[in-house]
Amino acid sequence: MSIANILKDAKAHMDKAFESTRHEFSSIRSGKATTSMLDTVRVEMYGSHMSLNQVASVAAPEPRLLVVTPFDKGQMKAVEKAIRESDLGLDPSVQGAIIRVPLPSMNEQRRKDLAKIIHKFAEEGRIAVRHWRTEARAGFKKLEGVSEDDVKHAEKDLQKLHDDCIARIDAAMKAKEAEIMEV
């Protein structure tokens, strides 16, 4: 392992942590319906828990409506139950071969609750980035035959990667929060 490899590995992991955090943000409801809102819903089917997108297709034909079409029509009730029991506060209704999920308008309290959830996801992302910084520092200490100056320069580069990634997470959090608070 070399300093360059450790930095490259740390950057890749930090980027993955950022992307994961952005994906979590996309599952939080803002003003309009998006198909990714239901990505966190888990459906109990055939004796195991599966994500909703594995058992049904989701469409957003209108800004305030989602339409879920289960692949197996016999599992309609299980899909409806999973959506109803998710922490998204949705009230689905079965209509023939589809499940309609109207999105209620958000009140001020719900907006604040969603903002808290976004802050929690952002903090989890920051923790992951810090973890990879710590891992890289431990990797620097294990290197043999490398001067202290090279390690110091590498730690400065690592800190810059860390700070950039944290700044991107914070910017994404602020943008999502503004989107949610928009009436």
C-alpha atoms as a PDB file:
ATOM      1  CA  MET A   1       0.000   0.000   0.000  1.00  0.00           C
ATOM      2  CA  SER A   2       1.242   3.489  -0.787  1.00  0.00           C
ATOM      3  CA  ILE A   3       0.107   6.942   0.295  1.00  0.00           C
ATOM      4  CA  ALA A   4      -1.523   7.524  -3.099  1.00  0.00           C
ATOM      5  CA  ASN A   5      -3.466   4.246  -2.839  1.00  0.00           C
ATOM      6  CA  ILE A   6      -4.655   5.037   0.683  1.00  0.00           C
ATOM      7  CA  LEU A   7      -5.819   8.516  -0.391  1.00  0.00           C
ATOM      8  CA  LYS A   8      -7.547   7.110  -3.484  1.00  0.00           C
ATOM      9  CA  ASP A   9      -9.301   4.462  -1.397  1.00  0.00           C
ATOM     10  CA  ALA A  10     -10.380   7.024   1.216  1.00  0.00           C
ATOM     11  CA  LYS A  11     -11.724   9.343  -1.497  1.00  0.00           C
ATOM     12  CA  ALA A  12     -13.737   6.489  -3.054  1.00  0.00           C
ATOM     13  CA  HIS A  13     -15.256   5.565   0.316  1.00  0.00           C
ATOM     14  CA  MET A  14     -16.032   9.193   1.168  1.00  0.00           C
ATOM     15  CA  ASP A  15     -17.721   9.650  -2.225  1.00  0.00           C
ATOM     16  CA  LYS A  16     -19.818   6.530  -1.566  1.00  0.00           C
ATOM     17  CA  ALA A  17     -20.836   7.936   1.828  1.00  0.00           C
ATOM     18  CA  PHE A  18     -21.904  11.180   0.126  1.00  0.00           C
ATOM     19  CA  GLU A  19     -23.889   9.337  -2.561  1.00  0.00           C
ATOM     20  CA  SER A  20     -25.568   7.187   0.073  1.00  0.00           C
ATOM     21  CA  THR A  21     -26.560  10.297   2.000  1.00  0.00           C
ATOM     22  CA  ARG A  22     -27.941  11.922  -1.160  1.00  0.00           C
ATOM     23  CA  HIS A  23     -29.946   8.759  -1.863  1.00  0.00           C
ATOM     24  CA  GLU A  24     -31.377   8.889   1.665  1.00  0.00           C
ATOM     25  CA  PHE A  25     -32.348  12.527   1.072  1.00  0.00           C
ATOM     26  CA  SER A  26     -34.191  11.575  -2.121  1.00  0.00           C
ATOM     27  CA  SER A  27     -36.404   9.194  -0.159  1.00  0.00           C
ATOM     28  CA  ILE A  28     -37.644  12.087   1.986  1.00  0.00           C
ATOM     29  CA  ARG A  29     -40.798  13.673   0.709  1.00  0.00           C
ATOM     30  CA  SER A  30     -40.713  17.249  -0.436  1.00  0.00           C
ATOM     31  CA  GLY A  31     -43.476  19.187  -2.173  1.00  0.00           C
ATOM     32  CA  LYS A  32     -44.136  16.777  -5.017  1.00  0.00           C
ATOM     33  CA  ALA A  33     -44.365  13.029  -5.546  1.00  0.00           C
ATOM     34  CA  THR A  34     -41.267  11.146  -6.693  1.00  0.00           C
ATOM     35  CA  THR A  35     -40.926   7.426  -7.239  1.00  0.00           C
ATOM     36  CA  SER A  36     -37.872   7.313  -4.956  1.00  0.00           C
ATOM     37  CA  MET A  37     -40.047   8.286  -1.975  1.00  0.00           C
ATOM     38  CA  LEU A  38     -41.026   4.642  -1.505  1.00  0.00           C
ATOM     39  CA  ASP A  39     -37.460   3.241  -1.808  1.00  0.00           C
ATOM     40  CA  THR A  40     -37.241   2.736   1.954  1.00  0.00           C
ATOM     41  CA  VAL A  41     -40.487   0.735   2.156  1.00  0.00           C
ATOM     42  CA  ARG A  42     -39.915  -2.966   2.902  1.00  0.00           C
ATOM     43  CA  VAL A  43     -42.623  -5.511   1.992  1.00  0.00           C
ATOM     44  CA  GLU A  44     -42.938  -8.885   3.708  1.00  0.00           C
ATOM     45  CA  MET A  45     -43.500 -11.385   0.900  1.00  0.00           C
ATOM     46  CA  TYR A  46     -42.796 -15.077   0.554  1.00  0.00           C
ATOM     47  CA  GLY A  47     -41.320 -15.221   4.055  1.00  0.00           C
ATOM     48  CA  SER A  48     -38.736 -12.447   3.626  1.00  0.00           C
ATOM     49  CA  HIS A  49     -38.552  -8.649   3.592  1.00  0.00           C
ATOM     50  CA  MET A  50     -37.996  -7.142   0.149  1.00  0.00           C
ATOM     51  CA  SER A  51     -37.763  -3.543  -0.995  1.00  0.00           C
ATOM     52  CA  LEU A  52     -40.889  -2.227  -2.682  1.00  0.00           C
ATOM     53  CA  ASN A  53     -39.190  -1.697  -6.054  1.00  0.00           C
ATOM     54  CA  GLN A  54     -38.450  -5.456  -6.203  1.00  0.00           C
ATOM     55  CA  VAL A  55     -42.124  -6.414  -5.888  1.00  0.00           C
ATOM     56  CA  ALA A  56     -43.926  -3.545  -7.626  1.00  0.00           C
ATOM     57  CA  SER A  57     -43.518  -0.707 -10.077  1.00  0.00           C
ATOM     58  CA  VAL A  58     -44.010   2.835  -8.832  1.00  0.00           C
ATOM     59  CA  ALA A  59     -45.142   5.758 -10.981  1.00  0.00           C
ATOM     60  CA  ALA A  60     -45.877   9.408 -10.238  1.00  0.00           C
ATOM     61  CA  PRO A  61     -48.558  10.412 -12.785  1.00  0.00           C
ATOM     62  CA  GLU A  62     -49.504  13.568 -10.852  1.00  0.00           C
ATOM     63  CA  PRO A  63     -47.559  15.865  -8.491  1.00  0.00           C
ATOM     64  CA  ARG A  64     -49.540  14.684  -5.451  1.00  0.00           C
ATOM     65  CA  LEU A  65     -50.152  11.021  -6.344  1.00  0.00           C
ATOM     66  CA  LEU A  66     -48.124   7.829  -6.565  1.00  0.00           C
ATOM     67  CA  VAL A  67     -49.420   4.703  -8.305  1.00  0.00           C
ATOM     68  CA  VAL A  68     -48.003   1.347  -7.188  1.00  0.00           C
ATOM     69  CA  THR A  69     -48.572  -1.721  -9.381  1.00  0.00           C
ATOM     70  CA  PRO A  70     -47.521  -5.002  -7.709  1.00  0.00           C
ATOM     71  CA  PHE A  71     -46.011  -7.598 -10.034  1.00  0.00           C
ATOM     72  CA  ASP A  72     -47.930 -10.336  -8.194  1.00  0.00           C
ATOM     73  CA  LYS A  73     -51.579  -9.267  -7.892  1.00  0.00           C
ATOM     74  CA  GLY A  74     -52.043 -11.753  -5.027  1.00  0.00           C
ATOM     75  CA  GLN A  75     -49.682  -9.680  -2.875  1.00  0.00           C
ATOM     76  CA  MET A  76     -51.737  -6.480  -3.170  1.00  0.00           C
ATOM     77  CA  LYS A  77     -52.653  -6.447   0.559  1.00  0.00           C
ATOM     78  CA  ALA A  78     -49.034  -7.029   1.664  1.00  0.00           C
ATOM     79  CA  VAL A  79     -47.820  -4.097  -0.456  1.00  0.00           C
ATOM     80  CA  GLU A  80     -50.629  -1.840   0.784  1.00  0.00           C
ATOM     81  CA  LYS A  81     -49.886  -2.810   4.406  1.00  0.00           C
ATOM     82  CA  ALA A  82     -46.153  -2.089   3.996  1.00  0.00           C
ATOM     83  CA  ILE A  83     -46.842   1.394   2.592  1.00  0.00           C
ATOM     84  CA  ARG A  84     -49.402   2.139   5.314  1.00  0.00           C
ATOM     85  CA  GLU A  85     -47.061   0.996   8.128  1.00  0.00           C
ATOM     86  CA  SER A  86     -43.997   2.834   6.807  1.00  0.00           C
ATOM     87  CA  ASP A  87     -43.044   6.017   8.685  1.00  0.00           C
ATOM     88  CA  LEU A  88     -43.926   8.130   5.645  1.00  0.00           C
ATOM     89  CA  GLY A  89     -47.442   8.965   6.880  1.00  0.00           C
ATOM     90  CA  LEU A  90     -49.180   7.776   3.702  1.00  0.00           C
ATOM     91  CA  ASP A  91     -52.686   6.306   3.332  1.00  0.00           C
ATOM     92  CA  PRO A  92     -52.783   3.989   0.281  1.00  0.00           C
ATOM     93  CA  SER A  93     -55.995   2.649  -1.236  1.00  0.00           C
ATOM     94  CA  VAL A  94     -56.450  -0.387  -3.502  1.00  0.00           C
ATOM     95  CA  GLN A  95     -58.317   0.267  -6.744  1.00  0.00           C
ATOM     96  CA  GLY A  96     -58.478  -2.774  -8.976  1.00  0.00           C
ATOM     97  CA  ALA A  97     -54.972  -3.843  -9.986  1.00  0.00           C
ATOM     98  CA  ILE A  98     -53.228  -0.727  -8.635  1.00  0.00           C
ATOM     99  CA  ILE A  99     -52.625   0.965  -5.315  1.00  0.00           C
ATOM    100  CA  ARG A 100     -53.179   4.715  -5.301  1.00  0.00           C
ATOM    101  CA  VAL A 101     -51.094   6.637  -2.770  1.00  0.00           C
ATOM    102  CA  PRO A 102     -52.293  10.251  -2.484  1.00  0.00           C
ATOM    103  CA  LEU A 103     -49.831  12.584  -0.801  1.00  0.00           C
ATOM    104  CA  PRO A 104     -51.402  14.732   1.907  1.00  0.00           C
ATOM    105  CA  SER A 105     -50.389  18.358   1.977  1.00  0.00           C
ATOM    106  CA  MET A 106     -47.673  18.936   4.513  1.00  0.00           C
ATOM    107  CA  ASN A 107     -48.281  21.082   7.580  1.00  0.00           C
ATOM    108  CA  GLU A 108     -45.603  23.064   9.378  1.00  0.00           C
ATOM    109  CA  GLN A 109     -45.034  20.373  12.026  1.00  0.00           C
ATOM    110  CA  ARG A 110     -44.537  17.646   9.389  1.00  0.00           C
ATOM    111  CA  ARG A 111     -42.030  19.865   7.562  1.00  0.00           C
ATOM    112  CA  LYS A 112     -40.057  20.324  10.790  1.00  0.00           C
ATOM    113  CA  ASP A 113     -40.131  16.567  11.461  1.00  0.00           C
ATOM    114  CA  LEU A 114     -38.802  15.872   7.954  1.00  0.00           C
ATOM    115  CA  ALA A 115     -36.065  18.475   8.461  1.00  0.00           C
ATOM    116  CA  LYS A 116     -34.988  16.617  11.619  1.00  0.00           C
ATOM    117  CA  ILE A 117     -34.826  13.362   9.660  1.00  0.00           C
ATOM    118  CA  ILE A 118     -32.673  15.063   7.016  1.00  0.00           C
ATOM    119  CA  HIS A 119     -30.308  16.354   9.717  1.00  0.00           C
ATOM    120  CA  LYS A 120     -30.051  12.798  11.083  1.00  0.00           C
ATOM    121  CA  PHE A 121     -29.191  11.394   7.624  1.00  0.00           C
ATOM    122  CA  ALA A 122     -26.607  14.158   7.119  1.00  0.00           C
ATOM    123  CA  GLU A 123     -24.991  13.360  10.467  1.00  0.00           C
ATOM    124  CA  GLU A 124     -24.816   9.667   9.538  1.00  0.00           C
ATOM    125  CA  GLY A 125     -23.063  10.678   6.309  1.00  0.00           C
ATOM    126  CA  ARG A 126     -20.613  12.884   8.199  1.00  0.00           C
ATOM    127  CA  ILE A 127     -19.862  10.032  10.604  1.00  0.00           C
ATOM    128  CA  ALA A 128     -19.110   7.717   7.669  1.00  0.00           C
ATOM    129  CA  VAL A 129     -16.751  10.307   6.143  1.00  0.00           C
ATOM    130  CA  ARG A 130     -14.958  10.748   9.481  1.00  0.00           C
ATOM    131  CA  HIS A 131     -14.660   6.987   9.802  1.00  0.00           C
ATOM    132  CA  TRP A 132     -12.866   6.733   6.463  1.00  0.00           C
ATOM    133  CA  ARG A 133     -10.569   9.609   7.426  1.00  0.00           C
ATOM    134  CA  THR A 134      -9.642   7.684  10.591  1.00  0.00           C
ATOM    135  CA  GLU A 135      -9.096   4.488   8.587  1.00  0.00           C
ATOM    136  CA  ALA A 136      -6.782   6.307   6.166  1.00  0.00           C
ATOM    137  CA  ARG A 137      -4.797   7.849   9.027  1.00  0.00           C
ATOM    138  CA  ALA A 138      -4.345   4.389  10.528  1.00  0.00           C
ATOM    139  CA  GLY A 139      -3.143   3.218   7.101  1.00  0.00           C
ATOM    140  CA  PHE A 140      -0.549   6.018   7.003  1.00  0.00           C
ATOM    141  CA  LYS A 141       0.825   4.927  10.383  1.00  0.00           C
ATOM    142  CA  LYS A 142       1.264   1.355   9.166  1.00  0.00           C
ATOM    143  CA  LEU A 143       3.362   2.409   6.165  1.00  0.00           C
ATOM    144  CA  GLU A 144       7.035   1.589   6.369  1.00  0.00           C
ATOM    145  CA  GLY A 145       9.853   3.411   4.651  1.00  0.00           C
ATOM    146  CA  VAL A 146       7.891   6.656   4.284  1.00  0.00           C
ATOM    147  CA  SER A 147       9.221   9.937   5.679  1.00  0.00           C
ATOM    148  CA  GLU A 148       7.299  11.898   8.312  1.00  0.00           C
ATOM    149  CA  ASP A 149       7.056  14.843   5.916  1.00  0.00           C
ATOM    150  CA  ASP A 150       5.327  12.670   3.304  1.00  0.00           C
ATOM    151  CA  VAL A 151       2.866  11.442   5.936  1.00  0.00           C
ATOM    152  CA  LYS A 152       2.194  15.044   7.077  1.00  0.00           C
ATOM    153  CA  HIS A 153       1.509  16.123   3.474  1.00  0.00           C
ATOM    154  CA  ALA A 154      -0.737  13.093   2.970  1.00  0.00           C
ATOM    155  CA  GLU A 155      -2.681  13.927   6.143  1.00  0.00           C
ATOM    156  CA  LYS A 156      -3.216  17.474   4.851  1.00  0.00           C
ATOM    157  CA  ASP A 157      -4.516  16.064   1.557  1.00  0.00           C
ATOM    158  CA  LEU A 158      -6.730  13.652   3.480  1.00  0.00           C
ATOM    159  CA  GLN A 159      -8.114  16.495   5.619  1.00  0.00           C
ATOM    160  CA  LYS A 160      -8.905  18.449   2.441  1.00  0.00           C
ATOM    161  CA  LEU A 161     -10.791  15.425   1.019  1.00  0.00           C
ATOM    162  CA  HIS A 162     -12.663  15.130   4.323  1.00  0.00           C
ATOM    163  CA  ASP A 163     -13.567  18.832   4.439  1.00  0.00           C
ATOM    164  CA  ASP A 164     -14.738  18.838   0.789  1.00  0.00           C
ATOM    165  CA  CYS A 165     -16.979  15.823   1.343  1.00  0.00           C
ATOM    166  CA  ILE A 166     -18.458  17.263   4.569  1.00  0.00           C
ATOM    167  CA  ALA A 167     -19.132  20.540   2.732  1.00  0.00           C
ATOM    168  CA  ARG A 168     -20.945  18.647  -0.072  1.00  0.00           C
ATOM    169  CA  ILE A 169     -23.099  16.803   2.496  1.00  0.00           C
ATOM    170  CA  ASP A 170     -23.928  20.089   4.244  1.00  0.00           C
ATOM    171  CA  ALA A 171     -24.816  21.770   0.930  1.00  0.00           C
ATOM    172  CA  ALA A 172     -27.082  18.871  -0.063  1.00  0.00           C
ATOM    173  CA  MET A 173     -28.714  18.979   3.384  1.00  0.00           C
ATOM    174  CA  LYS A 174     -29.388  22.721   3.141  1.00  0.00           C
ATOM    175  CA  ALA A 175     -30.829  22.350  -0.370  1.00  0.00           C
ATOM    176  CA  LYS A 176     -33.138  19.514   0.688  1.00  0.00           C
ATOM    177  CA  GLU A 177     -34.202  21.399   3.809  1.00  0.00           C
ATOM    178  CA  ALA A 178     -35.051  24.481   1.728  1.00  0.00           C
ATOM    179  CA  GLU A 179     -37.029  22.255  -0.663  1.00  0.00           C
ATOM    180  CA  ILE A 180     -39.038  20.810   2.248  1.00  0.00           C
ATOM    181  CA  MET A 181     -39.698  24.125   3.974  1.00  0.00           C
ATOM    182  CA  GLU A 182     -40.928  25.661   0.716  1.00  0.00           C
ATOM    183  CA  VAL A 183     -44.708  26.063   0.998  1.00  0.00           C
END
